[in-house]
Protein backbone atom coordinates (compact mmCIF):
# COMPACT_ATOMS: atom_id res chain seq x y z
CA MET A 1 14.58 0.58 -22.19
CA PRO A 2 14.88 3.59 -20.40
CA ILE A 3 14.46 3.82 -16.97
CA LEU A 4 11.72 6.96 -16.00
CA GLN A 5 11.76 9.00 -13.15
CA GLY A 6 9.91 11.86 -11.23
CA SER A 7 9.57 13.48 -7.79
CA SER A 8 7.03 14.97 -5.87
CA MET A 9 5.72 17.06 -3.00
CA VAL A 10 2.55 17.17 -1.02
CA PRO A 11 1.72 19.08 2.21
CA ALA A 12 0.71 18.22 5.26
CA SER A 13 -1.88 19.33 7.43
CA CYS A 14 -2.09 21.11 10.75
CA GLY A 15 -5.66 19.17 11.26
CA GLU A 16 -8.72 20.55 9.70
CA LEU A 17 -9.94 24.51 9.56
CA VAL A 18 -13.28 22.66 10.16
CA GLN A 19 -14.92 18.98 10.27
CA GLY A 20 -18.10 17.32 10.72
CA THR A 21 -21.28 16.51 8.28
CA ILE A 22 -23.74 18.48 6.06
CA GLY A 23 -27.09 16.54 5.55
CA GLY A 24 -25.41 13.56 7.12
CA THR A 25 -22.40 13.74 4.51
CA ASN A 26 -18.60 13.56 6.12
CA PHE A 27 -16.81 16.74 5.18
CA LEU A 28 -13.92 18.70 6.09
CA VAL A 29 -12.22 22.27 4.98
CA SER A 30 -8.38 21.36 4.44
CA CYS A 31 -4.80 23.29 6.31
CA PRO A 32 -2.24 22.57 4.28
CA VAL A 33 0.93 23.59 5.93
CA ASN A 34 4.02 23.93 4.55
CA TRP A 35 5.55 21.06 5.57
CA PHE A 36 6.23 18.04 2.76
CA SER A 37 6.32 14.56 2.18
CA ARG A 38 8.83 14.08 -1.25
CA VAL A 39 8.20 10.71 -3.18
CA THR A 40 10.66 9.80 -6.12
CA VAL A 41 9.38 7.14 -8.17
CA ARG A 42 11.53 5.20 -10.76
CA LEU A 43 10.10 3.09 -13.32
CA GLY A 44 11.49 0.29 -16.05
CA PHE A 45 10.17 -2.79 -17.17
CA ASP A 46 13.09 -4.50 -16.20
CA LEU A 47 12.78 -2.97 -12.44
CA GLU A 48 11.26 -5.02 -9.36
CA ASP A 49 9.08 -3.17 -7.25
CA ALA A 50 10.62 -2.03 -4.25
CA TYR A 51 9.21 0.56 -1.80
CA PRO A 52 9.92 1.12 2.37
CA ALA A 53 8.39 -1.07 4.50
CA ASN A 54 6.68 1.46 6.36
CA ARG A 55 4.73 3.02 3.01
CA ILE A 56 2.81 0.14 1.68
CA LYS A 57 -0.10 2.26 1.12
CA THR A 58 1.80 4.89 -1.07
CA TYR A 59 3.47 1.97 -3.10
CA LEU A 60 -0.74 0.75 -3.65
CA GLY A 61 -1.16 4.33 -4.67
CA VAL A 62 1.44 4.04 -6.96
CA ARG A 63 0.35 1.27 -8.66
CA ARG A 64 -3.17 2.32 -8.89
CA MET A 65 -1.82 5.51 -10.73
CA LEU A 66 -0.19 3.22 -13.20
CA ASP A 67 -2.64 0.67 -13.62
CA MET A 68 -5.09 4.11 -14.65
CA LYS A 69 -2.57 5.54 -17.20
CA GLY A 70 -2.34 2.31 -18.84
CA PHE A 71 1.48 1.31 -17.40
CA SER A 72 0.94 -1.80 -15.48
CA ASP A 73 3.78 -3.67 -17.04
CA TYR A 74 6.47 -0.88 -15.36
CA GLY A 75 8.15 -2.07 -12.20
CA ALA A 76 8.36 1.17 -9.94
CA VAL A 77 10.99 1.63 -6.80
CA LEU A 78 10.18 4.54 -4.43
CA LYS A 79 11.78 6.80 -2.17
CA VAL A 80 10.39 8.93 0.37
CA SER A 81 11.23 11.64 2.14
CA SER A 82 9.09 12.81 4.85
CA SER A 83 9.47 13.75 8.70
CA ILE A 84 5.77 14.49 9.01
CA PRO A 85 4.73 12.75 12.31
CA VAL A 86 2.32 9.89 12.16
CA GLY A 87 -1.02 9.53 14.15
CA LYS A 88 -1.01 13.30 14.81
CA GLY A 89 -4.04 14.40 12.47
CA MET A 90 -1.20 15.69 10.10
CA ALA A 91 -1.76 14.19 6.78
CA SER A 92 1.05 11.87 7.05
CA SER A 93 -0.38 9.40 4.56
CA THR A 94 -2.26 11.05 2.80
CA ALA A 95 0.74 13.05 2.18
CA ASP A 96 2.99 10.21 1.38
CA LEU A 97 0.56 8.84 -1.37
CA ALA A 98 -0.46 11.51 -3.20
CA ALA A 99 3.18 12.82 -3.62
CA GLY A 100 3.79 9.19 -5.15
CA CYS A 101 0.97 9.17 -7.51
CA PHE A 102 1.63 12.91 -8.60
CA ALA A 103 5.26 11.60 -8.92
CA ALA A 104 4.71 8.47 -10.73
CA ALA A 105 2.29 10.25 -13.16
CA ALA A 106 5.62 12.87 -13.55
CA ALA A 107 7.65 10.23 -14.44
CA ILE A 108 5.15 9.11 -17.54
CA GLU A 109 4.84 13.11 -18.67
CA ALA A 110 1.16 12.85 -17.38
CA LYS A 111 -0.96 15.02 -15.45
CA PRO A 112 -3.28 13.53 -13.02
CA ASP A 113 -6.70 14.93 -11.74
CA PRO A 114 -6.65 15.51 -8.53
CA HIS A 115 -10.08 13.80 -8.18
CA GLU A 116 -8.16 10.63 -9.51
CA ILE A 117 -5.80 11.12 -6.87
CA ALA A 118 -8.69 11.59 -4.21
CA ALA A 119 -10.28 8.22 -6.11
CA ILE A 120 -7.28 6.09 -4.85
CA ALA A 121 -6.48 7.57 -1.54
CA LEU A 122 -10.49 6.74 -0.19
CA ALA A 123 -10.10 3.36 -1.77
CA VAL A 124 -7.55 2.91 1.13
CA GLU A 125 -8.54 4.73 4.04
CA PRO A 126 -10.46 8.28 5.24
CA SER A 127 -7.96 10.78 3.32
CA ASP A 128 -7.36 14.61 3.84
CA ALA A 129 -7.72 16.96 1.18
CA THR A 130 -4.01 18.33 0.56
CA PHE A 131 -3.56 17.02 -2.96
CA PHE A 132 -5.96 19.78 -4.06
CA PRO A 133 -5.27 23.25 -5.11
CA GLY A 134 -5.58 25.57 -2.51
CA ILE A 135 -8.12 25.34 0.44
CA VAL A 136 -11.16 22.99 -0.34
CA LEU A 137 -13.99 21.71 1.28
CA PHE A 138 -13.62 17.63 0.80
CA ASP A 139 -15.89 14.57 1.98
CA HIS A 140 -13.08 13.06 3.15
CA VAL A 141 -14.83 9.43 3.72
CA GLN A 142 -16.70 8.74 0.05
CA GLY A 143 -15.58 11.75 -1.96
CA LYS A 144 -19.20 12.94 -2.44
CA LEU A 145 -18.44 16.35 -1.70
CA TYR A 146 -15.93 19.09 -2.87
CA GLU A 147 -15.81 22.67 -3.10
CA GLU A 148 -13.22 24.88 -3.97
CA LEU A 149 -13.09 27.88 -1.20
CA GLY A 150 -10.24 29.61 -2.26
CA GLN A 151 -6.38 30.55 -1.85
CA ALA A 152 -4.61 30.45 1.52
CA LEU A 153 -4.44 33.15 3.66
CA PRO A 154 -1.04 34.73 4.67
CA LEU A 155 -1.58 33.10 8.12
CA GLY A 156 1.22 31.73 10.90
CA ILE A 157 0.28 28.01 12.74
CA ILE A 158 2.24 26.97 15.92
CA ALA A 159 1.03 23.02 15.86
CA LEU A 160 0.93 22.05 19.20
CA ASP A 161 1.38 18.31 19.71
CA PHE A 162 -0.43 16.95 22.82
CA GLY A 163 1.45 13.35 22.67
CA GLY A 164 -0.52 9.66 21.76
CA ILE A 165 -1.56 9.03 18.40
CA VAL A 166 -4.89 8.31 16.61
CA ASP A 167 -5.91 5.51 13.82
CA THR A 168 -8.11 7.22 11.23
CA LEU A 169 -10.02 4.10 10.13
CA GLU A 170 -10.44 3.38 13.79
CA PHE A 171 -11.82 7.19 14.60
CA ASN A 172 -14.22 7.52 11.52
CA SER A 173 -15.72 4.04 12.56
CA ARG A 174 -16.85 4.61 16.13
CA GLY A 175 -20.54 4.26 16.33
CA ASP A 176 -21.01 7.25 18.01
CA LEU A 177 -19.60 9.47 15.42
CA SER A 178 -22.50 9.76 13.02
CA ALA A 179 -24.94 10.73 15.97
CA TRP A 180 -22.56 13.59 17.40
CA ASN A 181 -22.34 15.02 13.91
CA SER A 182 -25.70 14.80 13.13
CA SER A 183 -27.04 16.71 16.28
CA HIS A 184 -24.13 19.58 15.73
CA GLU A 185 -24.43 20.16 12.28
CA CYS A 186 -26.18 23.81 13.11
CA GLU A 187 -22.89 24.78 15.16
CA ILE A 188 -20.85 23.13 12.48
CA GLY A 189 -22.85 25.25 9.83
CA GLN A 190 -21.97 28.36 11.35
CA ALA A 191 -18.42 27.75 11.47
CA LEU A 192 -18.01 26.33 7.82
CA GLU A 193 -19.74 30.06 7.02
CA LEU A 194 -17.38 32.11 9.18
CA VAL A 195 -14.32 30.25 7.41
CA LYS A 196 -15.54 30.48 4.17
CA ALA A 197 -16.14 34.06 4.89
CA GLY A 198 -12.56 34.68 6.06
CA ILE A 199 -11.21 32.83 3.02
CA ALA A 200 -12.94 35.20 0.57
CA ARG A 201 -12.84 38.15 2.52
CA LYS A 202 -9.08 37.30 3.32
CA ASP A 203 -10.17 37.81 7.20
CA PRO A 204 -8.10 35.98 9.28
CA VAL A 205 -10.40 37.20 12.41
CA LEU A 206 -12.99 35.68 10.64
CA LEU A 207 -11.13 32.33 9.56
CA GLY A 208 -10.29 31.93 13.36
CA LYS A 209 -13.37 32.41 14.66
CA GLY A 210 -14.67 29.66 12.57
CA ALA A 211 -11.73 27.37 13.47
CA THR A 212 -12.24 28.06 16.78
CA LEU A 213 -15.93 27.08 16.95
CA SER A 214 -15.23 23.66 14.94
CA ALA A 215 -12.90 22.93 17.68
CA LEU A 216 -14.79 23.20 20.52
CA VAL A 217 -17.29 21.32 18.85
CA ASN A 218 -14.89 18.46 18.10
CA GLN A 219 -14.18 18.63 22.57
CA GLY A 220 -17.46 16.06 22.70
CA ILE A 221 -15.90 13.37 20.57
CA LEU A 222 -11.91 13.89 20.59
CA PRO A 223 -10.99 16.23 23.28
CA LYS A 224 -7.58 18.23 23.55
CA SER A 225 -6.50 19.28 27.06
CA ARG A 226 -7.54 22.20 28.35
CA LEU A 227 -8.63 23.54 24.91
CA GLU A 228 -10.39 26.14 26.28
CA GLU A 229 -7.73 27.12 28.16
CA LEU A 230 -5.54 27.72 25.48
CA ILE A 231 -8.01 29.65 23.28
CA ASP A 232 -8.21 32.40 26.19
CA PHE A 233 -4.41 32.50 26.68
CA THR A 234 -3.56 32.59 23.19
CA SER A 235 -6.30 35.13 22.50
CA ARG A 236 -4.48 37.85 24.54
CA TYR A 237 -1.39 37.55 22.31
CA GLY A 238 -2.94 38.55 19.62
CA ALA A 239 -3.70 34.42 17.70
CA TYR A 240 -6.72 34.94 15.75
CA GLY A 241 -8.00 31.56 17.03
CA VAL A 242 -7.28 27.86 17.60
CA ASN A 243 -7.82 24.60 14.97
CA VAL A 244 -7.61 21.23 15.81
CA ALA A 245 -6.91 17.77 14.26
CA HIS A 246 -10.47 16.27 14.80
CA SER A 247 -9.31 12.86 13.84
CA GLY A 248 -5.89 13.47 15.72
CA THR A 249 -3.70 14.48 18.79
CA VAL A 250 -2.72 18.52 16.92
CA ALA A 251 -3.93 21.97 17.49
CA GLY A 252 -3.14 24.99 15.74
CA VAL A 253 -2.66 28.62 17.16
CA LEU A 254 -3.53 30.52 14.49
CA VAL A 255 -1.12 33.60 14.75
CA PRO A 256 0.03 36.74 11.79
CA PRO A 257 2.47 35.26 9.97
CA GLY A 258 6.23 35.93 10.76
CA GLY A 259 5.33 38.13 13.98
CA GLU A 260 8.32 38.54 16.33
CA GLY A 261 5.88 38.20 18.96
CA ASN A 262 5.26 34.42 18.03
CA ASN A 263 8.20 33.38 19.66
CA SER A 264 6.93 34.71 23.12
CA LEU A 265 3.67 32.92 22.44
CA VAL A 266 5.28 29.61 21.78
CA SER A 267 7.65 30.19 24.87
CA SER A 268 4.53 31.26 27.29
CA ILE A 269 2.50 28.26 25.84
CA ILE A 270 4.98 25.62 26.29
CA LYS A 271 5.59 27.51 30.42
CA HIS A 272 1.64 27.24 31.04
CA PHE A 273 0.40 24.10 29.10
CA PRO A 274 3.06 21.53 30.01
CA GLU A 275 0.96 18.75 28.39
CA VAL A 276 1.97 20.10 24.98
CA LYS A 277 4.92 17.43 24.25
CA ALA A 278 5.96 19.02 20.51
CA TYR A 279 5.10 22.26 18.78
CA TYR A 280 5.82 23.23 15.08
CA PRO A 281 6.25 26.75 13.82
CA LEU A 282 4.45 26.57 10.52
CA SER A 283 2.85 28.54 7.61
CA LEU A 284 -0.82 28.16 6.12
CA VAL A 285 -0.24 27.54 2.21
CA GLY A 286 -2.25 25.87 -0.85
CA GLY A 287 -2.71 22.53 -1.13
CA GLY A 288 -1.55 20.81 -4.74
CA PRO A 289 1.70 18.90 -5.65
CA ARG A 290 5.02 20.59 -5.68
CA TYR A 291 7.73 19.22 -8.66
CA PRO A 292 10.97 20.05 -7.30
CA GLY A 293 13.55 21.26 -9.91
CA ARG A 294 11.26 22.07 -12.72
CA ALA A 295 12.37 25.04 -14.55
CA TRP A 296 9.12 26.10 -14.42
CA GLU A 297 8.19 25.67 -10.86
CA LYS A 298 9.18 29.14 -9.70
CA GLU A 299 7.12 30.69 -12.83
CA GLU A 300 3.98 29.05 -11.47
CA GLY A 301 4.28 30.49 -8.12
CA ASN A 302 4.10 26.74 -6.75
CA HIS A 303 7.42 26.36 -5.43
CA ALA A 304 7.67 24.86 -1.86
CA GLU A 305 8.41 26.26 1.24
CA THR A 306 9.92 23.98 3.74
CA PRO A 307 10.58 24.27 7.52
CA THR A 308 14.37 23.83 8.26
CA TRP A 309 13.97 20.62 9.72
CA TRP A 310 12.65 19.00 6.34
CA LYS A 311 15.21 16.55 5.01
CA SER A 312 15.34 16.14 1.15
């Protein structure tokens, strides 16, 4: 029997544009960026399952996808290429698992609904939403909410890592999280409306205000060092605002894309905020899978733009 093979890429995120609850139901607004996990899956009756030891979640996702599509008897060999930092709130696990599922589907010439990927991902742990096209609102815990908000704005994001790691499962099981979210639904609702308006009107100022408001609310549950100072400092350089990983360690400075002043801003941030352990110059992109090497990739405008440090 022939060996089947498929590859896919799914973007990371720089935290979320908004996160909280609506009527007690969890949600986030995705913030996909141009940093990708790439997974190649080889399938065959005579193959024994093989995958990187630290990618068990990706492997389980691939097996569930094959079960759903009636290919349970096929062995699967996974190759994962990703330099997305782990435990930072950049959706590294989501990107790996989703890319694996899309790659497995591509190998059997199936095109899965992203909601199928969501069901697979949420069966493992709370998930980001970067496997959905565009920018979306999504219940990252139980999948009860989903809303398409529109396409990504041209927007630069300077991702700042304040160090440490956050365990997604541990954070979402915090006993004080539900009460905190419930008591701040009004502010988070305001943040959501600002971000929705910013996306609909293609207005980065409104989007930045909404993301900043959500980031400030999150200070009460998972604070980022000197966030208020960072917001004020970067605004003087023309930044639209700051978003955060609500269950991670990164913050994103929202800036015009490719602006010449961004390099100067980065230098100033590093000088004035020594607690920043690393930074990554990124761009907001639409979510969803990319399929490297497909002839129709560029025709559909679905090609992947990757940072220089992304390794194939």
